[in-house]
């Protein structure tokens, strides 16, 4: 969820959760929450620019594109939730 500068109403919070709830189960999983954090523009994809903005350390456009390519099953140059979720690993 985006960080709100002002308090949000319950209805707004419910709307934000519904928008991020990829499997429509009414709950946000860790993967859905993490995806929403990376998807800054809310288009339901993670772009090269978003990877550059969210990476823990500065990365070039080429490096960010390479990170996406590793998980980009449909080769569209961006990550869907499903592609992103396959990269989440638990240790």
N, C-alpha and C. Protein backbone atom coordinates (compact mmCIF):
# COMPACT_ATOMS: atom_id res chain seq x y z
N UNK A 1 0.84 -1.18 0.00
CA UNK A 1 0.00 0.00 0.00
C UNK A 1 0.88 1.23 0.00
N UNK A 2 0.40 2.23 -0.64
CA UNK A 2 1.15 3.48 -0.67
C UNK A 2 1.10 4.14 0.70
N UNK A 3 2.15 4.84 1.04
CA UNK A 3 2.16 5.58 2.29
C UNK A 3 1.29 6.82 2.14
N UNK A 4 0.36 6.97 3.02
CA UNK A 4 -0.56 8.10 2.93
C UNK A 4 -0.03 9.28 3.73
N UNK A 5 -0.07 10.45 3.14
CA UNK A 5 0.35 11.67 3.82
C UNK A 5 -0.72 12.10 4.81
N UNK A 6 -1.96 11.70 4.57
CA UNK A 6 -3.08 12.04 5.44
C UNK A 6 -3.81 10.74 5.79
N UNK A 7 -4.53 10.75 6.91
CA UNK A 7 -5.29 9.55 7.28
C UNK A 7 -6.27 9.17 6.17
N UNK A 8 -6.51 7.87 6.04
CA UNK A 8 -7.47 7.39 5.04
C UNK A 8 -8.70 6.84 5.75
N UNK A 9 -9.81 6.88 5.07
CA UNK A 9 -11.04 6.33 5.64
C UNK A 9 -11.02 4.82 5.53
N UNK A 10 -11.90 4.17 6.26
CA UNK A 10 -12.01 2.71 6.18
C UNK A 10 -12.31 2.28 4.74
N UNK A 11 -13.21 2.99 4.08
CA UNK A 11 -13.56 2.65 2.70
C UNK A 11 -12.35 2.77 1.77
N UNK A 12 -11.54 3.81 1.98
CA UNK A 12 -10.33 3.97 1.15
C UNK A 12 -9.34 2.84 1.42
N UNK A 13 -9.20 2.46 2.70
CA UNK A 13 -8.28 1.37 3.06
C UNK A 13 -8.75 0.06 2.44
N UNK A 14 -10.05 -0.20 2.51
CA UNK A 14 -10.60 -1.42 1.89
C UNK A 14 -10.34 -1.41 0.39
N UNK A 15 -10.52 -0.26 -0.25
CA UNK A 15 -10.26 -0.15 -1.69
C UNK A 15 -8.80 -0.41 -2.03
N UNK A 16 -7.88 0.10 -1.20
CA UNK A 16 -6.45 -0.14 -1.45
C UNK A 16 -6.12 -1.62 -1.30
N UNK A 17 -6.70 -2.27 -0.29
CA UNK A 17 -6.44 -3.70 -0.10
C UNK A 17 -7.01 -4.50 -1.27
N UNK A 18 -8.22 -4.17 -1.69
CA UNK A 18 -8.81 -4.88 -2.84
C UNK A 18 -7.95 -4.73 -4.09
N UNK A 19 -7.39 -3.55 -4.30
CA UNK A 19 -6.54 -3.31 -5.46
C UNK A 19 -5.28 -4.16 -5.42
N UNK A 20 -4.74 -4.38 -4.23
CA UNK A 20 -3.50 -5.15 -4.09
C UNK A 20 -3.74 -6.64 -3.95
N UNK A 21 -4.96 -7.06 -3.71
CA UNK A 21 -5.30 -8.46 -3.43
C UNK A 21 -5.39 -9.27 -4.72
N UNK A 22 -4.23 -9.74 -5.19
CA UNK A 22 -4.15 -10.40 -6.50
C UNK A 22 -5.01 -11.66 -6.59
N UNK A 23 -5.14 -12.41 -5.49
CA UNK A 23 -5.93 -13.64 -5.56
C UNK A 23 -7.37 -13.46 -5.05
N UNK A 24 -7.75 -12.23 -4.75
CA UNK A 24 -9.12 -11.87 -4.35
C UNK A 24 -9.65 -12.69 -3.17
N UNK A 25 -8.76 -12.99 -2.21
CA UNK A 25 -9.21 -13.74 -1.04
C UNK A 25 -9.58 -12.82 0.13
N UNK A 26 -9.52 -11.49 -0.09
CA UNK A 26 -9.87 -10.55 0.96
C UNK A 26 -8.77 -10.27 1.95
N UNK A 27 -7.59 -10.85 1.72
CA UNK A 27 -6.45 -10.67 2.61
C UNK A 27 -5.22 -10.34 1.77
N UNK A 28 -4.27 -9.66 2.37
CA UNK A 28 -3.00 -9.39 1.69
C UNK A 28 -1.94 -10.36 2.18
N UNK A 29 -1.42 -11.17 1.28
CA UNK A 29 -0.31 -12.04 1.64
C UNK A 29 0.97 -11.21 1.62
N UNK A 30 2.04 -11.77 2.13
CA UNK A 30 3.32 -11.06 2.10
C UNK A 30 3.69 -10.72 0.67
N UNK A 31 3.52 -11.67 -0.25
CA UNK A 31 3.88 -11.44 -1.64
C UNK A 31 3.07 -10.30 -2.25
N UNK A 32 1.76 -10.27 -1.96
CA UNK A 32 0.91 -9.19 -2.48
C UNK A 32 1.33 -7.84 -1.91
N UNK A 33 1.63 -7.82 -0.61
CA UNK A 33 2.05 -6.57 0.02
C UNK A 33 3.36 -6.10 -0.59
N UNK A 34 4.32 -7.01 -0.75
CA UNK A 34 5.62 -6.63 -1.34
C UNK A 34 5.45 -6.16 -2.76
N UNK A 35 4.61 -6.84 -3.54
CA UNK A 35 4.39 -6.44 -4.93
C UNK A 35 3.82 -5.03 -4.99
N UNK A 36 2.83 -4.76 -4.15
CA UNK A 36 2.20 -3.44 -4.12
C UNK A 36 3.23 -2.36 -3.79
N UNK A 37 4.16 -2.68 -2.91
CA UNK A 37 5.19 -1.70 -2.55
C UNK A 37 6.09 -1.38 -3.75
N UNK A 38 6.39 -2.37 -4.56
CA UNK A 38 7.27 -2.16 -5.73
C UNK A 38 6.52 -1.52 -6.89
N UNK A 39 5.24 -1.77 -7.01
CA UNK A 39 4.43 -1.26 -8.13
C UNK A 39 3.98 0.17 -7.84
N UNK A 40 4.89 1.12 -7.97
CA UNK A 40 4.62 2.51 -7.60
C UNK A 40 3.49 3.16 -8.39
N UNK A 41 3.35 2.84 -9.66
CA UNK A 41 2.33 3.51 -10.47
C UNK A 41 0.98 2.79 -10.45
N UNK A 42 0.92 1.65 -9.79
CA UNK A 42 -0.35 0.94 -9.63
C UNK A 42 -0.89 0.27 -10.87
N UNK A 43 -0.02 0.02 -11.86
CA UNK A 43 -0.49 -0.59 -13.10
C UNK A 43 -0.50 -2.13 -13.06
N UNK A 44 -0.19 -2.68 -11.89
CA UNK A 44 -0.15 -4.13 -11.67
C UNK A 44 1.02 -4.82 -12.36
N UNK A 45 2.05 -4.05 -12.66
CA UNK A 45 3.30 -4.58 -13.19
C UNK A 45 4.46 -3.85 -12.53
N UNK A 46 5.61 -4.51 -12.46
CA UNK A 46 6.83 -3.86 -11.97
C UNK A 46 7.71 -3.61 -13.18
N UNK A 47 8.04 -2.35 -13.39
CA UNK A 47 8.83 -1.94 -14.55
C UNK A 47 10.31 -1.80 -14.20
N UNK A 48 11.12 -1.61 -15.23
CA UNK A 48 12.54 -1.36 -15.04
C UNK A 48 12.75 -0.12 -14.17
N UNK A 49 12.00 0.92 -14.43
CA UNK A 49 12.11 2.16 -13.64
C UNK A 49 11.78 1.91 -12.18
N UNK A 50 10.75 1.13 -11.92
CA UNK A 50 10.37 0.83 -10.54
C UNK A 50 11.45 0.01 -9.84
N UNK A 51 12.09 -0.91 -10.55
CA UNK A 51 13.20 -1.66 -9.95
C UNK A 51 14.33 -0.70 -9.60
N UNK A 52 14.64 0.22 -10.50
CA UNK A 52 15.69 1.20 -10.22
C UNK A 52 15.37 2.02 -8.97
N UNK A 53 14.12 2.41 -8.82
CA UNK A 53 13.72 3.24 -7.69
C UNK A 53 13.72 2.47 -6.37
N UNK A 54 13.41 1.17 -6.40
CA UNK A 54 13.23 0.39 -5.18
C UNK A 54 14.42 -0.47 -4.78
N UNK A 55 15.38 -0.64 -5.67
CA UNK A 55 16.54 -1.50 -5.36
C UNK A 55 17.26 -0.98 -4.12
N UNK A 56 17.77 -1.90 -3.33
CA UNK A 56 18.47 -1.54 -2.09
C UNK A 56 19.71 -0.70 -2.37
N UNK A 57 20.34 -0.94 -3.48
CA UNK A 57 21.51 -0.17 -3.90
C UNK A 57 21.24 0.37 -5.31
N UNK A 58 21.88 1.49 -5.66
CA UNK A 58 21.67 2.04 -7.02
C UNK A 58 22.01 1.02 -8.10
N UNK A 59 21.14 0.92 -9.11
CA UNK A 59 21.37 0.04 -10.25
C UNK A 59 21.13 0.82 -11.54
N UNK A 60 21.85 0.44 -12.57
CA UNK A 60 21.65 1.07 -13.87
C UNK A 60 20.39 0.52 -14.51
N UNK A 61 19.94 1.17 -15.55
CA UNK A 61 18.76 0.69 -16.29
C UNK A 61 19.03 -0.71 -16.84
N UNK A 62 20.25 -0.93 -17.32
CA UNK A 62 20.62 -2.25 -17.86
C UNK A 62 20.58 -3.32 -16.77
N UNK A 63 21.09 -2.99 -15.59
CA UNK A 63 21.06 -3.94 -14.48
C UNK A 63 19.62 -4.24 -14.05
N UNK A 64 18.79 -3.22 -13.97
CA UNK A 64 17.39 -3.40 -13.59
C UNK A 64 16.66 -4.26 -14.62
N UNK A 65 16.93 -4.01 -15.90
CA UNK A 65 16.32 -4.81 -16.97
C UNK A 65 16.75 -6.27 -16.85
N UNK A 66 18.00 -6.49 -16.48
CA UNK A 66 18.50 -7.85 -16.29
C UNK A 66 17.80 -8.56 -15.14
N UNK A 67 17.53 -7.82 -14.06
CA UNK A 67 16.81 -8.41 -12.92
C UNK A 67 15.40 -8.82 -13.34
N UNK A 68 14.76 -7.99 -14.11
CA UNK A 68 13.41 -8.32 -14.59
C UNK A 68 13.46 -9.51 -15.53
N UNK A 69 14.43 -9.51 -16.43
CA UNK A 69 14.52 -10.58 -17.43
C UNK A 69 14.61 -11.96 -16.77
N UNK A 70 15.28 -12.03 -15.61
CA UNK A 70 15.43 -13.31 -14.92
C UNK A 70 14.10 -13.95 -14.55
N UNK A 71 13.06 -13.15 -14.31
CA UNK A 71 11.76 -13.68 -13.89
C UNK A 71 10.65 -13.45 -14.91
N UNK A 72 10.96 -12.78 -16.01
CA UNK A 72 9.95 -12.34 -16.98
C UNK A 72 9.58 -13.49 -17.93
N UNK A 73 8.66 -14.34 -17.49
CA UNK A 73 8.29 -15.55 -18.25
C UNK A 73 7.70 -15.24 -19.62
N UNK A 74 6.96 -14.14 -19.74
CA UNK A 74 6.33 -13.82 -21.03
C UNK A 74 7.13 -12.82 -21.86
N UNK A 75 8.31 -12.46 -21.36
CA UNK A 75 9.24 -11.57 -22.09
C UNK A 75 8.61 -10.24 -22.53
N UNK A 76 7.79 -9.66 -21.65
CA UNK A 76 7.20 -8.36 -21.99
C UNK A 76 7.97 -7.19 -21.38
N UNK A 77 9.07 -7.47 -20.69
CA UNK A 77 9.91 -6.42 -20.14
C UNK A 77 9.44 -5.86 -18.81
N UNK A 78 8.45 -6.51 -18.21
CA UNK A 78 7.96 -6.09 -16.90
C UNK A 78 7.49 -7.33 -16.15
N UNK A 79 7.29 -7.19 -14.84
CA UNK A 79 6.88 -8.33 -14.04
C UNK A 79 5.43 -8.21 -13.61
N UNK A 80 4.67 -9.26 -13.86
CA UNK A 80 3.31 -9.38 -13.33
C UNK A 80 3.42 -9.88 -11.89
N UNK A 81 2.31 -9.89 -11.18
CA UNK A 81 2.33 -10.43 -9.82
C UNK A 81 2.80 -11.87 -9.82
N UNK A 82 2.28 -12.69 -10.73
CA UNK A 82 2.64 -14.11 -10.78
C UNK A 82 4.15 -14.28 -10.99
N UNK A 83 4.72 -13.50 -11.89
CA UNK A 83 6.16 -13.59 -12.14
C UNK A 83 6.95 -13.14 -10.91
N UNK A 84 6.50 -12.08 -10.28
CA UNK A 84 7.14 -11.57 -9.07
C UNK A 84 7.09 -12.62 -7.96
N UNK A 85 5.93 -13.22 -7.77
CA UNK A 85 5.73 -14.19 -6.68
C UNK A 85 6.63 -15.41 -6.83
N UNK A 86 6.96 -15.79 -8.06
CA UNK A 86 7.85 -16.96 -8.25
C UNK A 86 9.26 -16.67 -7.76
N UNK A 87 9.60 -15.40 -7.61
CA UNK A 87 10.95 -15.02 -7.17
C UNK A 87 11.08 -14.88 -5.65
N UNK A 88 9.94 -14.90 -4.94
CA UNK A 88 9.98 -14.80 -3.48
C UNK A 88 10.41 -16.15 -2.95
N UNK A 89 11.45 -16.16 -2.16
CA UNK A 89 11.92 -17.41 -1.56
C UNK A 89 12.00 -17.23 -0.05
N UNK A 90 11.73 -18.28 0.65
CA UNK A 90 11.79 -18.27 2.11
C UNK A 90 13.01 -19.05 2.54
N UNK A 91 13.72 -18.52 3.52
CA UNK A 91 14.90 -19.24 4.03
C UNK A 91 14.74 -19.59 5.48
